[in-house]
Amino acid sequence: MIATAKNARHARALALEVDQALRSQGRRHRNAAGLESENPWVLLDYDDVVLHVFLGEARAFYGLENLWADVPRVPFTPSEQPIRADSLADPSIGIL
């Protein structure tokens, strides 16, 4: 999963929110990077799912989407309403 954040604080907050939601479901990340300071890239590795949260410039520079060019894309339209953290691991909403 690849996401873009507005700034480094936003990237860290998004990753921590996902991590908290998944911990409440009994899942713990195997590895993490970029959480300790103002980083343009935060990564959480859950073995079968890896979350990358980039700042816009870093996302364009690294171009991870190009590494998996043959993988089908899933369209995403942001909701008007914020998603509750406790629903992130709910398969019915199609996020994780």
PDB file of N, CA and C in Angstrom:
ATOM      1  N   MET A   1       0.841  -1.144   0.000  1.00  0.00           N
ATOM      2  CA  MET A   1       0.000   0.000   0.000  1.00  0.00           C
ATOM      3  C   MET A   1       0.903   1.229   0.000  1.00  0.00           C
ATOM      4  N   ILE A   2       0.615   2.166  -0.878  1.00  0.00           N
ATOM      5  CA  ILE A   2       1.417   3.384  -1.007  1.00  0.00           C
ATOM      6  C   ILE A   2       0.489   4.583  -0.834  1.00  0.00           C
ATOM      7  N   ALA A   3       0.907   5.503   0.031  1.00  0.00           N
ATOM      8  CA  ALA A   3       0.103   6.691   0.294  1.00  0.00           C
ATOM      9  C   ALA A   3       0.990   7.930   0.272  1.00  0.00           C
ATOM     10  N   THR A   4       0.363   9.078   0.065  1.00  0.00           N
ATOM     11  CA  THR A   4       1.074  10.349   0.085  1.00  0.00           C
ATOM     12  C   THR A   4       0.560  11.185   1.245  1.00  0.00           C
ATOM     13  N   ALA A   5       1.492  11.770   1.990  1.00  0.00           N
ATOM     14  CA  ALA A   5       1.153  12.622   3.130  1.00  0.00           C
ATOM     15  C   ALA A   5       1.472  14.076   2.802  1.00  0.00           C
ATOM     16  N   LYS A   6       0.896  14.982   3.548  1.00  0.00           N
ATOM     17  CA  LYS A   6       1.100  16.416   3.336  1.00  0.00           C
ATOM     18  C   LYS A   6       2.452  16.897   3.843  1.00  0.00           C
ATOM     19  N   ASN A   7       2.932  16.291   4.925  1.00  0.00           N
ATOM     20  CA  ASN A   7       4.228  16.652   5.503  1.00  0.00           C
ATOM     21  C   ASN A   7       4.712  15.479   6.363  1.00  0.00           C
ATOM     22  N   ALA A   8       5.917  15.592   6.921  1.00  0.00           N
ATOM     23  CA  ALA A   8       6.504  14.478   7.667  1.00  0.00           C
ATOM     24  C   ALA A   8       5.680  14.127   8.904  1.00  0.00           C
ATOM     25  N   ARG A   9       5.155  15.118   9.576  1.00  0.00           N
ATOM     26  CA  ARG A   9       4.323  14.843  10.759  1.00  0.00           C
ATOM     27  C   ARG A   9       3.059  14.088  10.364  1.00  0.00           C
ATOM     28  N   HIS A  10       2.473  14.468   9.256  1.00  0.00           N
ATOM     29  CA  HIS A  10       1.280  13.796   8.743  1.00  0.00           C
ATOM     30  C   HIS A  10       1.603  12.346   8.383  1.00  0.00           C
ATOM     31  N   ALA A  11       2.737  12.111   7.731  1.00  0.00           N
ATOM     32  CA  ALA A  11       3.148  10.756   7.355  1.00  0.00           C
ATOM     33  C   ALA A  11       3.292   9.868   8.591  1.00  0.00           C
ATOM     34  N   ARG A  12       3.951  10.400   9.598  1.00  0.00           N
ATOM     35  CA  ARG A  12       4.148   9.645  10.841  1.00  0.00           C
ATOM     36  C   ARG A  12       2.803   9.361  11.512  1.00  0.00           C
ATOM     37  N   ALA A  13       1.938  10.352  11.567  1.00  0.00           N
ATOM     38  CA  ALA A  13       0.624  10.180  12.197  1.00  0.00           C
ATOM     39  C   ALA A  13      -0.218   9.145  11.467  1.00  0.00           C
ATOM     40  N   LEU A  14      -0.195   9.169  10.133  1.00  0.00           N
ATOM     41  CA  LEU A  14      -0.945   8.174   9.363  1.00  0.00           C
ATOM     42  C   LEU A  14      -0.441   6.759   9.657  1.00  0.00           C
ATOM     43  N   ALA A  15       0.873   6.600   9.635  1.00  0.00           N
ATOM     44  CA  ALA A  15       1.452   5.279   9.891  1.00  0.00           C
ATOM     45  C   ALA A  15       1.136   4.800  11.303  1.00  0.00           C
ATOM     46  N   LEU A  16       1.239   5.678  12.274  1.00  0.00           N
ATOM     47  CA  LEU A  16       0.949   5.282  13.656  1.00  0.00           C
ATOM     48  C   LEU A  16      -0.523   4.936  13.854  1.00  0.00           C
ATOM     49  N   GLU A  17      -1.402   5.637  13.163  1.00  0.00           N
ATOM     50  CA  GLU A  17      -2.832   5.343  13.253  1.00  0.00           C
ATOM     51  C   GLU A  17      -3.138   3.965  12.668  1.00  0.00           C
ATOM     52  N   VAL A  18      -2.546   3.660  11.516  1.00  0.00           N
ATOM     53  CA  VAL A  18      -2.729   2.333  10.917  1.00  0.00           C
ATOM     54  C   VAL A  18      -2.157   1.267  11.846  1.00  0.00           C
ATOM     55  N   ASP A  19      -0.967   1.526  12.392  1.00  0.00           N
ATOM     56  CA  ASP A  19      -0.334   0.562  13.289  1.00  0.00           C
ATOM     57  C   ASP A  19      -1.201   0.309  14.520  1.00  0.00           C
ATOM     58  N   GLN A  20      -1.745   1.354  15.092  1.00  0.00           N
ATOM     59  CA  GLN A  20      -2.602   1.207  16.267  1.00  0.00           C
ATOM     60  C   GLN A  20      -3.854   0.390  15.933  1.00  0.00           C
ATOM     61  N   ALA A  21      -4.462   0.677  14.786  1.00  0.00           N
ATOM     62  CA  ALA A  21      -5.659  -0.056  14.384  1.00  0.00           C
ATOM     63  C   ALA A  21      -5.354  -1.536  14.176  1.00  0.00           C
ATOM     64  N   LEU A  22      -4.225  -1.833  13.545  1.00  0.00           N
ATOM     65  CA  LEU A  22      -3.875  -3.228  13.309  1.00  0.00           C
ATOM     66  C   LEU A  22      -3.466  -3.935  14.599  1.00  0.00           C
ATOM     67  N   ARG A  23      -2.824  -3.224  15.507  1.00  0.00           N
ATOM     68  CA  ARG A  23      -2.493  -3.815  16.820  1.00  0.00           C
ATOM     69  C   ARG A  23      -3.755  -4.206  17.562  1.00  0.00           C
ATOM     70  N   SER A  24      -4.794  -3.388  17.449  1.00  0.00           N
ATOM     71  CA  SER A  24      -6.055  -3.711  18.117  1.00  0.00           C
ATOM     72  C   SER A  24      -6.697  -4.964  17.518  1.00  0.00           C
ATOM     73  N   GLN A  25      -6.273  -5.322  16.309  1.00  0.00           N
ATOM     74  CA  GLN A  25      -6.754  -6.543  15.648  1.00  0.00           C
ATOM     75  C   GLN A  25      -5.785  -7.710  15.866  1.00  0.00           C
ATOM     76  N   GLY A  26      -4.753  -7.478  16.682  1.00  0.00           N
ATOM     77  CA  GLY A  26      -3.794  -8.543  16.981  1.00  0.00           C
ATOM     78  C   GLY A  26      -2.638  -8.653  16.006  1.00  0.00           C
ATOM     79  N   ARG A  27      -2.466  -7.687  15.110  1.00  0.00           N
ATOM     80  CA  ARG A  27      -1.366  -7.714  14.135  1.00  0.00           C
ATOM     81  C   ARG A  27      -0.293  -6.729  14.551  1.00  0.00           C
ATOM     82  N   ARG A  28       0.935  -7.159  14.480  1.00  0.00           N
ATOM     83  CA  ARG A  28       2.068  -6.288  14.817  1.00  0.00           C
ATOM     84  C   ARG A  28       3.004  -6.221  13.619  1.00  0.00           C
ATOM     85  N   HIS A  29       3.588  -5.029  13.415  1.00  0.00           N
ATOM     86  CA  HIS A  29       4.516  -4.905  12.303  1.00  0.00           C
ATOM     87  C   HIS A  29       5.801  -5.667  12.604  1.00  0.00           C
ATOM     88  N   ARG A  30       6.381  -6.197  11.542  1.00  0.00           N
ATOM     89  CA  ARG A  30       7.644  -6.927  11.659  1.00  0.00           C
ATOM     90  C   ARG A  30       8.819  -5.957  11.674  1.00  0.00           C
ATOM     91  N   ASN A  31       8.745  -4.955  10.825  1.00  0.00           N
ATOM     92  CA  ASN A  31       9.779  -3.917  10.726  1.00  0.00           C
ATOM     93  C   ASN A  31       9.110  -2.570  10.514  1.00  0.00           C
ATOM     94  N   ALA A  32       9.834  -1.533  10.906  1.00  0.00           N
ATOM     95  CA  ALA A  32       9.356  -0.162  10.690  1.00  0.00           C
ATOM     96  C   ALA A  32      10.560   0.714  10.406  1.00  0.00           C
ATOM     97  N   ALA A  33      10.345   1.746   9.607  1.00  0.00           N
ATOM     98  CA  ALA A  33      11.417   2.706   9.319  1.00  0.00           C
ATOM     99  C   ALA A  33      10.795   4.080   9.131  1.00  0.00           C
ATOM    100  N   GLY A  34      11.525   5.100   9.527  1.00  0.00           N
ATOM    101  CA  GLY A  34      11.101   6.472   9.303  1.00  0.00           C
ATOM    102  C   GLY A  34      10.198   7.062  10.362  1.00  0.00           C
ATOM    103  N   LEU A  35       9.912   6.329  11.424  1.00  0.00           N
ATOM    104  CA  LEU A  35       9.022   6.836  12.473  1.00  0.00           C
ATOM    105  C   LEU A  35       9.737   7.727  13.478  1.00  0.00           C
ATOM    106  N   GLU A  36      11.062   7.644  13.528  1.00  0.00           N
ATOM    107  CA  GLU A  36      11.799   8.285  14.606  1.00  0.00           C
ATOM    108  C   GLU A  36      12.024   9.787  14.441  1.00  0.00           C
ATOM    109  N   SER A  37      11.903  10.334  13.259  1.00  0.00           N
ATOM    110  CA  SER A  37      12.119  11.769  13.084  1.00  0.00           C
ATOM    111  C   SER A  37      11.373  12.264  11.852  1.00  0.00           C
ATOM    112  N   GLU A  38      11.705  13.455  11.415  1.00  0.00           N
ATOM    113  CA  GLU A  38      11.050  14.071  10.253  1.00  0.00           C
ATOM    114  C   GLU A  38      11.560  13.422   8.962  1.00  0.00           C
ATOM    115  N   ASN A  39      10.929  12.344   8.538  1.00  0.00           N
ATOM    116  CA  ASN A  39      11.358  11.614   7.352  1.00  0.00           C
ATOM    117  C   ASN A  39      10.366  11.789   6.211  1.00  0.00           C
ATOM    118  N   PRO A  40      10.853  11.769   4.977  1.00  0.00           N
ATOM    119  CA  PRO A  40       9.962  11.872   3.822  1.00  0.00           C
ATOM    120  C   PRO A  40       9.327  10.532   3.444  1.00  0.00           C
ATOM    121  N   TRP A  41       9.693   9.452   4.171  1.00  0.00           N
ATOM    122  CA  TRP A  41       9.194   8.122   3.844  1.00  0.00           C
ATOM    123  C   TRP A  41       9.076   7.317   5.128  1.00  0.00           C
ATOM    124  N   VAL A  42       7.873   6.848   5.424  1.00  0.00           N
ATOM    125  CA  VAL A  42       7.630   5.987   6.582  1.00  0.00           C
ATOM    126  C   VAL A  42       7.181   4.632   6.048  1.00  0.00           C
ATOM    127  N   LEU A  43       7.728   3.574   6.632  1.00  0.00           N
ATOM    128  CA  LEU A  43       7.429   2.225   6.176  1.00  0.00           C
ATOM    129  C   LEU A  43       7.053   1.349   7.361  1.00  0.00           C
ATOM    130  N   LEU A  44       5.980   0.583   7.202  1.00  0.00           N
ATOM    131  CA  LEU A  44       5.588  -0.437   8.166  1.00  0.00           C
ATOM    132  C   LEU A  44       5.420  -1.743   7.408  1.00  0.00           C
ATOM    133  N   ASP A  45       6.099  -2.787   7.864  1.00  0.00           N
ATOM    134  CA  ASP A  45       6.094  -4.088   7.195  1.00  0.00           C
ATOM    135  C   ASP A  45       5.332  -5.094   8.051  1.00  0.00           C
ATOM    136  N   TYR A  46       4.222  -5.603   7.516  1.00  0.00           N
ATOM    137  CA  TYR A  46       3.405  -6.604   8.196  1.00  0.00           C
ATOM    138  C   TYR A  46       3.501  -7.957   7.490  1.00  0.00           C
ATOM    139  N   ASP A  47       4.587  -8.218   6.809  1.00  0.00           N
ATOM    140  CA  ASP A  47       4.835  -9.429   6.028  1.00  0.00           C
ATOM    141  C   ASP A  47       3.975  -9.489   4.765  1.00  0.00           C
ATOM    142  N   ASP A  48       2.674  -9.686   4.889  1.00  0.00           N
ATOM    143  CA  ASP A  48       1.836  -9.802   3.694  1.00  0.00           C
ATOM    144  C   ASP A  48       1.350  -8.455   3.173  1.00  0.00           C
ATOM    145  N   VAL A  49       1.503  -7.407   3.968  1.00  0.00           N
ATOM    146  CA  VAL A  49       1.166  -6.041   3.556  1.00  0.00           C
ATOM    147  C   VAL A  49       2.286  -5.128   4.029  1.00  0.00           C
ATOM    148  N   VAL A  50       2.736  -4.254   3.128  1.00  0.00           N
ATOM    149  CA  VAL A  50       3.746  -3.260   3.488  1.00  0.00           C
ATOM    150  C   VAL A  50       3.142  -1.890   3.202  1.00  0.00           C
ATOM    151  N   LEU A  51       3.167  -1.036   4.221  1.00  0.00           N
ATOM    152  CA  LEU A  51       2.637   0.316   4.087  1.00  0.00           C
ATOM    153  C   LEU A  51       3.790   1.284   3.873  1.00  0.00           C
ATOM    154  N   HIS A  52       3.722   2.062   2.797  1.00  0.00           N
ATOM    155  CA  HIS A  52       4.690   3.121   2.501  1.00  0.00           C
ATOM    156  C   HIS A  52       3.913   4.433   2.530  1.00  0.00           C
ATOM    157  N   VAL A  53       4.329   5.369   3.375  1.00  0.00           N
ATOM    158  CA  VAL A  53       3.720   6.699   3.397  1.00  0.00           C
ATOM    159  C   VAL A  53       4.820   7.689   3.031  1.00  0.00           C
ATOM    160  N   PHE A  54       4.639   8.341   1.892  1.00  0.00           N
ATOM    161  CA  PHE A  54       5.635   9.262   1.344  1.00  0.00           C
ATOM    162  C   PHE A  54       5.170  10.705   1.396  1.00  0.00           C
ATOM    163  N   LEU A  55       6.117  11.615   1.423  1.00  0.00           N
ATOM    164  CA  LEU A  55       5.838  12.989   1.035  1.00  0.00           C
ATOM    165  C   LEU A  55       5.801  12.986  -0.493  1.00  0.00           C
ATOM    166  N   GLY A  56       5.073  13.911  -1.097  1.00  0.00           N
ATOM    167  CA  GLY A  56       4.879  13.911  -2.551  1.00  0.00           C
ATOM    168  C   GLY A  56       6.171  13.840  -3.350  1.00  0.00           C
ATOM    169  N   GLU A  57       7.161  14.657  -2.994  1.00  0.00           N
ATOM    170  CA  GLU A  57       8.428  14.694  -3.732  1.00  0.00           C
ATOM    171  C   GLU A  57       9.179  13.366  -3.625  1.00  0.00           C
ATOM    172  N   ALA A  58       9.181  12.765  -2.453  1.00  0.00           N
ATOM    173  CA  ALA A  58       9.860  11.484  -2.262  1.00  0.00           C
ATOM    174  C   ALA A  58       9.141  10.373  -3.030  1.00  0.00           C
ATOM    175  N   ARG A  59       7.817  10.419  -3.050  1.00  0.00           N
ATOM    176  CA  ARG A  59       7.061   9.400  -3.788  1.00  0.00           C
ATOM    177  C   ARG A  59       7.388   9.464  -5.272  1.00  0.00           C
ATOM    178  N   ALA A  60       7.455  10.660  -5.810  1.00  0.00           N
ATOM    179  CA  ALA A  60       7.805  10.823  -7.220  1.00  0.00           C
ATOM    180  C   ALA A  60       9.241  10.383  -7.488  1.00  0.00           C
ATOM    181  N   PHE A  61      10.163  10.705  -6.587  1.00  0.00           N
ATOM    182  CA  PHE A  61      11.569  10.361  -6.768  1.00  0.00           C
ATOM    183  C   PHE A  61      11.785   8.844  -6.766  1.00  0.00           C
ATOM    184  N   TYR A  62      11.224   8.145  -5.790  1.00  0.00           N
ATOM    185  CA  TYR A  62      11.446   6.702  -5.678  1.00  0.00           C
ATOM    186  C   TYR A  62      10.583   5.893  -6.638  1.00  0.00           C
ATOM    187  N   GLY A  63       9.418   6.369  -6.985  1.00  0.00           N
ATOM    188  CA  GLY A  63       8.566   5.720  -7.976  1.00  0.00           C
ATOM    189  C   GLY A  63       8.305   4.245  -7.736  1.00  0.00           C
ATOM    190  N   LEU A  64       7.942   3.881  -6.516  1.00  0.00           N
ATOM    191  CA  LEU A  64       7.709   2.462  -6.206  1.00  0.00           C
ATOM    192  C   LEU A  64       6.656   1.817  -7.090  1.00  0.00           C
ATOM    193  N   GLU A  65       5.683   2.593  -7.517  1.00  0.00           N
ATOM    194  CA  GLU A  65       4.646   2.037  -8.390  1.00  0.00           C
ATOM    195  C   GLU A  65       5.240   1.408  -9.643  1.00  0.00           C
ATOM    196  N   ASN A  66       6.367   1.936 -10.111  1.00  0.00           N
ATOM    197  CA  ASN A  66       7.004   1.404 -11.315  1.00  0.00           C
ATOM    198  C   ASN A  66       7.629   0.029 -11.092  1.00  0.00           C
ATOM    199  N   LEU A  67       7.952  -0.301  -9.839  1.00  0.00           N
ATOM    200  CA  LEU A  67       8.525  -1.623  -9.557  1.00  0.00           C
ATOM    201  C   LEU A  67       7.509  -2.738  -9.766  1.00  0.00           C
ATOM    202  N   TRP A  68       6.242  -2.405  -9.579  1.00  0.00           N
ATOM    203  CA  TRP A  68       5.183  -3.392  -9.747  1.00  0.00           C
ATOM    204  C   TRP A  68       4.257  -2.956 -10.885  1.00  0.00           C
ATOM    205  N   ALA A  69       4.835  -2.683 -12.016  1.00  0.00           N
ATOM    206  CA  ALA A  69       4.072  -2.160 -13.150  1.00  0.00           C
ATOM    207  C   ALA A  69       3.016  -3.140 -13.647  1.00  0.00           C
ATOM    208  N   ASP A  70       3.234  -4.456 -13.445  1.00  0.00           N
ATOM    209  CA  ASP A  70       2.296  -5.447 -13.952  1.00  0.00           C
ATOM    210  C   ASP A  70       1.188  -5.799 -12.960  1.00  0.00           C
ATOM    211  N   VAL A  71       1.182  -5.169 -11.796  1.00  0.00           N
ATOM    212  CA  VAL A  71       0.170  -5.447 -10.779  1.00  0.00           C
ATOM    213  C   VAL A  71      -1.069  -4.600 -11.067  1.00  0.00           C
ATOM    214  N   PRO A  72      -2.262  -5.196 -10.976  1.00  0.00           N
ATOM    215  CA  PRO A  72      -3.479  -4.414 -11.223  1.00  0.00           C
ATOM    216  C   PRO A  72      -3.611  -3.261 -10.227  1.00  0.00           C
ATOM    217  N   ARG A  73      -4.104  -2.138 -10.700  1.00  0.00           N
ATOM    218  CA  ARG A  73      -4.324  -0.961  -9.869  1.00  0.00           C
ATOM    219  C   ARG A  73      -5.743  -1.001  -9.312  1.00  0.00           C
ATOM    220  N   VAL A  74      -5.899  -0.555  -8.089  1.00  0.00           N
ATOM    221  CA  VAL A  74      -7.209  -0.466  -7.456  1.00  0.00           C
ATOM    222  C   VAL A  74      -7.543   1.013  -7.319  1.00  0.00           C
ATOM    223  N   PRO A  75      -8.579   1.482  -8.010  1.00  0.00           N
ATOM    224  CA  PRO A  75      -8.919   2.902  -7.917  1.00  0.00           C
ATOM    225  C   PRO A  75      -9.334   3.270  -6.492  1.00  0.00           C
ATOM    226  N   PHE A  76      -8.994   4.469  -6.094  1.00  0.00           N
ATOM    227  CA  PHE A  76      -9.323   4.947  -4.756  1.00  0.00           C
ATOM    228  C   PHE A  76      -9.844   6.368  -4.848  1.00  0.00           C
ATOM    229  N   THR A  77     -10.995   6.595  -4.246  1.00  0.00           N
ATOM    230  CA  THR A  77     -11.555   7.934  -4.143  1.00  0.00           C
ATOM    231  C   THR A  77     -11.710   8.242  -2.667  1.00  0.00           C
ATOM    232  N   PRO A  78     -11.042   9.286  -2.177  1.00  0.00           N
ATOM    233  CA  PRO A  78     -11.154   9.616  -0.748  1.00  0.00           C
ATOM    234  C   PRO A  78     -12.592   9.875  -0.334  1.00  0.00           C
ATOM    235  N   SER A  79     -12.919   9.444   0.853  1.00  0.00           N
ATOM    236  CA  SER A  79     -14.237   9.650   1.419  1.00  0.00           C
ATOM    237  C   SER A  79     -14.368  11.069   1.954  1.00  0.00           C
ATOM    238  N   GLU A  80     -15.575  11.573   1.947  1.00  0.00           N
ATOM    239  CA  GLU A  80     -15.835  12.872   2.558  1.00  0.00           C
ATOM    240  C   GLU A  80     -15.673  12.772   4.071  1.00  0.00           C
ATOM    241  N   GLN A  81     -16.043  11.625   4.619  1.00  0.00           N
ATOM    242  CA  GLN A  81     -15.960  11.386   6.053  1.00  0.00           C
ATOM    243  C   GLN A  81     -14.649  10.687   6.385  1.00  0.00           C
ATOM    244  N   PRO A  82     -13.989  11.074   7.460  1.00  0.00           N
ATOM    245  CA  PRO A  82     -12.763  10.376   7.844  1.00  0.00           C
ATOM    246  C   PRO A  82     -13.071   8.933   8.235  1.00  0.00           C
ATOM    247  N   ILE A  83     -12.130   8.049   7.939  1.00  0.00           N
ATOM    248  CA  ILE A  83     -12.283   6.645   8.295  1.00  0.00           C
ATOM    249  C   ILE A  83     -11.826   6.459   9.729  1.00  0.00           C
ATOM    250  N   ARG A  84     -12.635   5.784  10.519  1.00  0.00           N
ATOM    251  CA  ARG A  84     -12.261   5.505  11.912  1.00  0.00           C
ATOM    252  C   ARG A  84     -11.128   4.501  11.948  1.00  0.00           C
ATOM    253  N   ALA A  85     -10.205   4.692  12.851  1.00  0.00           N
ATOM    254  CA  ALA A  85      -9.039   3.812  12.973  1.00  0.00           C
ATOM    255  C   ALA A  85      -9.446   2.378  13.230  1.00  0.00           C
ATOM    256  N   ASP A  86     -10.516   2.156  13.989  1.00  0.00           N
ATOM    257  CA  ASP A  86     -10.897   0.782  14.320  1.00  0.00           C
ATOM    258  C   ASP A  86     -11.516   0.041  13.136  1.00  0.00           C
ATOM    259  N   SER A  87     -11.794   0.741  12.038  1.00  0.00           N
ATOM    260  CA  SER A  87     -12.354   0.085  10.862  1.00  0.00           C
ATOM    261  C   SER A  87     -11.300  -0.230   9.801  1.00  0.00           C
ATOM    262  N   LEU A  88     -10.033   0.143  10.018  1.00  0.00           N
ATOM    263  CA  LEU A  88      -9.006  -0.046   8.998  1.00  0.00           C
ATOM    264  C   LEU A  88      -8.762  -1.508   8.662  1.00  0.00           C
ATOM    265  N   ALA A  89      -8.901  -2.390   9.609  1.00  0.00           N
ATOM    266  CA  ALA A  89      -8.662  -3.806   9.348  1.00  0.00           C
ATOM    267  C   ALA A  89      -9.940  -4.535   8.937  1.00  0.00           C
ATOM    268  N   ASP A  90     -11.019  -3.817   8.726  1.00  0.00           N
ATOM    269  CA  ASP A  90     -12.288  -4.405   8.345  1.00  0.00           C
ATOM    270  C   ASP A  90     -12.300  -4.693   6.847  1.00  0.00           C
ATOM    271  N   PRO A  91     -12.342  -5.976   6.450  1.00  0.00           N
ATOM    272  CA  PRO A  91     -12.288  -6.313   5.018  1.00  0.00           C
ATOM    273  C   PRO A  91     -13.447  -5.768   4.210  1.00  0.00           C
ATOM    274  N   SER A  92     -14.551  -5.415   4.850  1.00  0.00           N
ATOM    275  CA  SER A  92     -15.710  -4.921   4.105  1.00  0.00           C
ATOM    276  C   SER A  92     -15.474  -3.540   3.523  1.00  0.00           C
ATOM    277  N   ILE A  93     -14.485  -2.771   4.054  1.00  0.00           N
ATOM    278  CA  ILE A  93     -14.234  -1.451   3.476  1.00  0.00           C
ATOM    279  C   ILE A  93     -13.128  -1.488   2.435  1.00  0.00           C
ATOM    280  N   GLY A  94     -12.470  -2.631   2.264  1.00  0.00           N
ATOM    281  CA  GLY A  94     -11.526  -2.818   1.172  1.00  0.00           C
ATOM    282  C   GLY A  94     -10.220  -2.094   1.294  1.00  0.00           C
ATOM    283  N   ILE A  95      -9.778  -1.730   2.496  1.00  0.00           N
ATOM    284  CA  ILE A  95      -8.507  -1.029   2.618  1.00  0.00           C
ATOM    285  C   ILE A  95      -7.372  -2.000   2.867  1.00  0.00           C
ATOM    286  N   LEU A  96      -7.510  -2.859   3.848  1.00  0.00           N
ATOM    287  CA  LEU A  96      -6.447  -3.823   4.158  1.00  0.00           C
ATOM    288  C   LEU A  96      -6.958  -5.212   4.048  1.00  0.00           C
TER     289      LEU A  96
END
